[in-house]
């Protein structure tokens, strides 16, 4: 299985992973609230950056030039929020 990306779409995966690891290192691996807040802030950043970059750079035929696995970057913020919601249980 491989992930294909275009433009800066790889950041939709790397930003949440980096922020999650960073929050675990700073606040400890038991600080779940801090990790969830960090991921929610990352979701906002991914939505903003993906929308901005896809609007700026004359999008190609499918409407976006920054994708991960064929999905525009900004929509991965919903995946990040879904992970946070699932971790509440």
N, C-alpha and C. Protein backbone atom coordinates (compact mmCIF):
# COMPACT_ATOMS: atom_id res chain seq x y z
N UNK A 1 0.85 -1.17 0.00
CA UNK A 1 0.00 0.00 0.00
C UNK A 1 0.90 1.24 0.00
N UNK A 2 0.55 2.17 -0.83
CA UNK A 2 1.34 3.39 -0.87
C UNK A 2 0.40 4.59 -0.93
N UNK A 3 0.90 5.69 -0.41
CA UNK A 3 0.17 6.94 -0.46
C UNK A 3 0.75 7.79 -1.57
N UNK A 4 -0.09 8.22 -2.45
CA UNK A 4 0.36 9.13 -3.48
C UNK A 4 -0.04 10.54 -3.08
N UNK A 5 0.76 11.48 -3.46
CA UNK A 5 0.46 12.87 -3.12
C UNK A 5 0.85 13.75 -4.29
N UNK A 6 0.24 14.92 -4.31
CA UNK A 6 0.60 15.96 -5.26
C UNK A 6 0.80 17.24 -4.49
N UNK A 7 1.75 18.02 -4.94
CA UNK A 7 2.03 19.30 -4.28
C UNK A 7 2.47 19.09 -2.85
N UNK A 8 1.83 19.82 -1.95
CA UNK A 8 2.17 19.74 -0.53
C UNK A 8 1.19 18.86 0.23
N UNK A 9 0.52 17.96 -0.46
CA UNK A 9 -0.48 17.10 0.14
C UNK A 9 0.06 16.19 1.23
N UNK A 10 1.35 15.85 1.17
CA UNK A 10 1.95 15.00 2.19
C UNK A 10 1.89 15.63 3.58
N UNK A 11 1.76 16.96 3.63
CA UNK A 11 1.68 17.64 4.93
C UNK A 11 0.39 17.31 5.68
N UNK A 12 -0.63 16.85 4.96
CA UNK A 12 -1.89 16.46 5.62
C UNK A 12 -1.66 15.25 6.52
N UNK A 13 -0.65 14.46 6.24
CA UNK A 13 -0.30 13.31 7.08
C UNK A 13 0.81 13.65 8.06
N UNK A 14 1.81 14.39 7.62
CA UNK A 14 2.97 14.66 8.46
C UNK A 14 2.69 15.66 9.58
N UNK A 15 1.91 16.70 9.33
CA UNK A 15 1.63 17.69 10.37
C UNK A 15 0.95 17.07 11.60
N UNK A 16 -0.13 16.30 11.43
CA UNK A 16 -0.74 15.70 12.63
C UNK A 16 0.18 14.73 13.36
N UNK A 17 0.96 13.95 12.61
CA UNK A 17 1.88 13.03 13.27
C UNK A 17 2.94 13.78 14.06
N UNK A 18 3.49 14.82 13.46
CA UNK A 18 4.51 15.62 14.13
C UNK A 18 3.96 16.29 15.39
N UNK A 19 2.78 16.88 15.28
CA UNK A 19 2.18 17.58 16.42
C UNK A 19 1.81 16.59 17.53
N UNK A 20 1.32 15.41 17.15
CA UNK A 20 0.97 14.40 18.14
C UNK A 20 2.21 13.94 18.92
N UNK A 21 3.29 13.65 18.20
CA UNK A 21 4.53 13.23 18.86
C UNK A 21 5.09 14.36 19.71
N UNK A 22 5.08 15.58 19.19
CA UNK A 22 5.59 16.72 19.94
C UNK A 22 4.80 16.95 21.22
N UNK A 23 3.47 16.85 21.15
CA UNK A 23 2.66 17.04 22.36
C UNK A 23 2.88 15.91 23.36
N UNK A 24 3.13 14.70 22.87
CA UNK A 24 3.42 13.58 23.77
C UNK A 24 4.76 13.78 24.47
N UNK A 25 5.73 14.33 23.76
CA UNK A 25 7.05 14.57 24.35
C UNK A 25 6.98 15.71 25.36
N UNK A 26 6.28 16.78 25.02
CA UNK A 26 6.22 17.95 25.89
C UNK A 26 5.36 17.69 27.12
N UNK A 27 4.17 17.14 26.92
CA UNK A 27 3.21 16.99 28.02
C UNK A 27 3.18 15.59 28.63
N UNK A 28 3.87 14.65 28.06
CA UNK A 28 3.87 13.28 28.56
C UNK A 28 2.86 12.45 27.80
N UNK A 29 3.10 11.14 27.79
CA UNK A 29 2.23 10.27 26.99
C UNK A 29 0.86 10.05 27.63
N UNK A 30 0.66 10.48 28.86
CA UNK A 30 -0.64 10.34 29.53
C UNK A 30 -1.49 11.61 29.44
N UNK A 31 -1.00 12.64 28.82
CA UNK A 31 -1.74 13.91 28.72
C UNK A 31 -2.64 13.89 27.48
N UNK A 32 -3.69 13.11 27.54
CA UNK A 32 -4.56 12.93 26.38
C UNK A 32 -5.31 14.20 26.00
N UNK A 33 -5.67 15.01 26.98
CA UNK A 33 -6.39 16.25 26.67
C UNK A 33 -5.49 17.19 25.86
N UNK A 34 -4.24 17.31 26.26
CA UNK A 34 -3.31 18.18 25.53
C UNK A 34 -3.08 17.66 24.11
N UNK A 35 -3.02 16.35 23.96
CA UNK A 35 -2.83 15.78 22.63
C UNK A 35 -4.05 16.01 21.74
N UNK A 36 -5.24 15.90 22.33
CA UNK A 36 -6.46 16.14 21.55
C UNK A 36 -6.57 17.60 21.13
N UNK A 37 -6.24 18.51 22.03
CA UNK A 37 -6.28 19.93 21.69
C UNK A 37 -5.26 20.23 20.59
N UNK A 38 -4.07 19.65 20.71
CA UNK A 38 -3.04 19.86 19.68
C UNK A 38 -3.51 19.34 18.33
N UNK A 39 -4.17 18.19 18.31
CA UNK A 39 -4.67 17.65 17.04
C UNK A 39 -5.80 18.49 16.47
N UNK A 40 -6.66 19.03 17.32
CA UNK A 40 -7.73 19.90 16.83
C UNK A 40 -7.15 21.18 16.21
N UNK A 41 -6.12 21.72 16.84
CA UNK A 41 -5.46 22.90 16.27
C UNK A 41 -4.78 22.56 14.94
N UNK A 42 -4.24 21.35 14.86
CA UNK A 42 -3.64 20.90 13.61
C UNK A 42 -4.69 20.75 12.52
N UNK A 43 -5.89 20.27 12.90
CA UNK A 43 -6.97 20.14 11.92
C UNK A 43 -7.33 21.51 11.34
N UNK A 44 -7.36 22.52 12.18
CA UNK A 44 -7.64 23.88 11.71
C UNK A 44 -6.53 24.33 10.75
N UNK A 45 -5.29 24.05 11.10
CA UNK A 45 -4.16 24.45 10.26
C UNK A 45 -4.20 23.73 8.91
N UNK A 46 -4.50 22.43 8.92
CA UNK A 46 -4.57 21.67 7.67
C UNK A 46 -5.70 22.19 6.79
N UNK A 47 -6.85 22.49 7.40
CA UNK A 47 -7.98 23.03 6.62
C UNK A 47 -7.61 24.37 5.98
N UNK A 48 -7.02 25.25 6.80
CA UNK A 48 -6.66 26.58 6.32
C UNK A 48 -5.60 26.50 5.21
N UNK A 49 -4.51 25.79 5.49
CA UNK A 49 -3.41 25.72 4.52
C UNK A 49 -3.84 25.02 3.24
N UNK A 50 -4.56 23.92 3.36
CA UNK A 50 -5.01 23.21 2.17
C UNK A 50 -5.93 24.06 1.32
N UNK A 51 -6.88 24.75 1.96
CA UNK A 51 -7.79 25.61 1.22
C UNK A 51 -7.07 26.77 0.56
N UNK A 52 -6.13 27.35 1.29
CA UNK A 52 -5.39 28.50 0.76
C UNK A 52 -4.52 28.09 -0.42
N UNK A 53 -3.76 27.01 -0.25
CA UNK A 53 -2.87 26.58 -1.32
C UNK A 53 -3.63 26.10 -2.55
N UNK A 54 -4.73 25.40 -2.34
CA UNK A 54 -5.49 24.92 -3.49
C UNK A 54 -6.20 26.05 -4.21
N UNK A 55 -6.55 27.12 -3.50
CA UNK A 55 -7.19 28.26 -4.15
C UNK A 55 -6.17 29.13 -4.88
N UNK A 56 -4.97 29.25 -4.33
CA UNK A 56 -3.94 30.11 -4.90
C UNK A 56 -3.40 29.59 -6.22
N UNK A 57 -2.99 28.36 -6.22
CA UNK A 57 -2.27 27.81 -7.37
C UNK A 57 -3.26 27.27 -8.38
N UNK A 58 -3.62 28.03 -9.34
CA UNK A 58 -4.55 27.61 -10.37
C UNK A 58 -4.80 26.13 -10.37
N UNK A 59 -5.82 25.73 -9.69
CA UNK A 59 -6.11 24.31 -9.52
C UNK A 59 -6.28 23.63 -10.87
N UNK A 60 -5.92 22.37 -10.91
CA UNK A 60 -6.01 21.63 -12.16
C UNK A 60 -7.44 21.14 -12.40
N UNK A 61 -7.59 20.15 -13.26
CA UNK A 61 -8.91 19.74 -13.72
C UNK A 61 -9.86 19.28 -12.62
N UNK A 62 -9.35 18.73 -11.53
CA UNK A 62 -10.25 18.25 -10.47
C UNK A 62 -10.39 19.26 -9.33
N UNK A 63 -9.81 20.43 -9.45
CA UNK A 63 -10.06 21.51 -8.50
C UNK A 63 -9.04 21.66 -7.41
N UNK A 64 -8.02 20.82 -7.36
CA UNK A 64 -7.01 21.00 -6.32
C UNK A 64 -5.67 20.46 -6.78
N UNK A 65 -4.62 21.13 -6.38
CA UNK A 65 -3.29 20.70 -6.77
C UNK A 65 -2.49 20.15 -5.60
N UNK A 66 -3.05 20.18 -4.40
CA UNK A 66 -2.38 19.62 -3.22
C UNK A 66 -3.27 18.53 -2.66
N UNK A 67 -2.88 17.28 -2.94
CA UNK A 67 -3.71 16.14 -2.57
C UNK A 67 -2.89 15.06 -1.89
N UNK A 68 -3.57 14.26 -1.10
CA UNK A 68 -2.99 13.04 -0.52
C UNK A 68 -3.97 11.92 -0.85
N UNK A 69 -3.50 10.91 -1.55
CA UNK A 69 -4.31 9.76 -1.95
C UNK A 69 -5.53 10.20 -2.74
N UNK A 70 -5.40 11.24 -3.56
CA UNK A 70 -6.46 11.69 -4.42
C UNK A 70 -7.51 12.57 -3.77
N UNK A 71 -7.33 12.89 -2.50
CA UNK A 71 -8.29 13.73 -1.77
C UNK A 71 -7.61 15.06 -1.48
N UNK A 72 -8.31 16.18 -1.75
CA UNK A 72 -7.71 17.49 -1.47
C UNK A 72 -7.28 17.61 -0.01
N UNK A 73 -6.17 18.27 0.19
CA UNK A 73 -5.54 18.36 1.50
C UNK A 73 -6.47 18.85 2.59
N UNK A 74 -7.28 19.86 2.34
CA UNK A 74 -8.09 20.45 3.40
C UNK A 74 -9.11 19.47 3.97
N UNK A 75 -9.53 18.48 3.20
CA UNK A 75 -10.54 17.53 3.68
C UNK A 75 -9.97 16.55 4.71
N UNK A 76 -8.66 16.47 4.81
CA UNK A 76 -8.06 15.60 5.83
C UNK A 76 -8.25 16.17 7.24
N UNK A 77 -8.63 17.42 7.34
CA UNK A 77 -8.92 17.96 8.67
C UNK A 77 -10.12 17.23 9.28
N UNK A 78 -11.06 16.81 8.44
CA UNK A 78 -12.20 16.03 8.96
C UNK A 78 -11.75 14.66 9.47
N UNK A 79 -10.76 14.08 8.83
CA UNK A 79 -10.20 12.81 9.30
C UNK A 79 -9.53 13.01 10.66
N UNK A 80 -8.81 14.10 10.82
CA UNK A 80 -8.13 14.40 12.08
C UNK A 80 -9.17 14.59 13.18
N UNK A 81 -10.22 15.34 12.89
CA UNK A 81 -11.28 15.54 13.88
C UNK A 81 -11.95 14.21 14.22
N UNK A 82 -12.14 13.35 13.24
CA UNK A 82 -12.70 12.03 13.49
C UNK A 82 -11.83 11.20 14.41
N UNK A 83 -10.53 11.28 14.26
CA UNK A 83 -9.61 10.56 15.15
C UNK A 83 -9.74 11.08 16.57
N UNK A 84 -9.85 12.39 16.72
CA UNK A 84 -10.01 12.98 18.06
C UNK A 84 -11.33 12.51 18.68
N UNK A 85 -12.40 12.53 17.91
CA UNK A 85 -13.70 12.10 18.44
C UNK A 85 -13.66 10.63 18.83
N UNK A 86 -13.05 9.79 18.02
CA UNK A 86 -12.95 8.37 18.34
C UNK A 86 -12.10 8.12 19.58
N UNK A 87 -11.14 8.99 19.84
CA UNK A 87 -10.27 8.80 21.01
C UNK A 87 -10.97 9.20 22.31
N UNK A 88 -12.13 9.83 22.23
CA UNK A 88 -12.85 10.23 23.44
C UNK A 88 -13.46 9.04 24.17
N UNK A 89 -13.75 7.99 23.45
CA UNK A 89 -14.45 6.83 24.03
C UNK A 89 -13.66 5.93 24.86
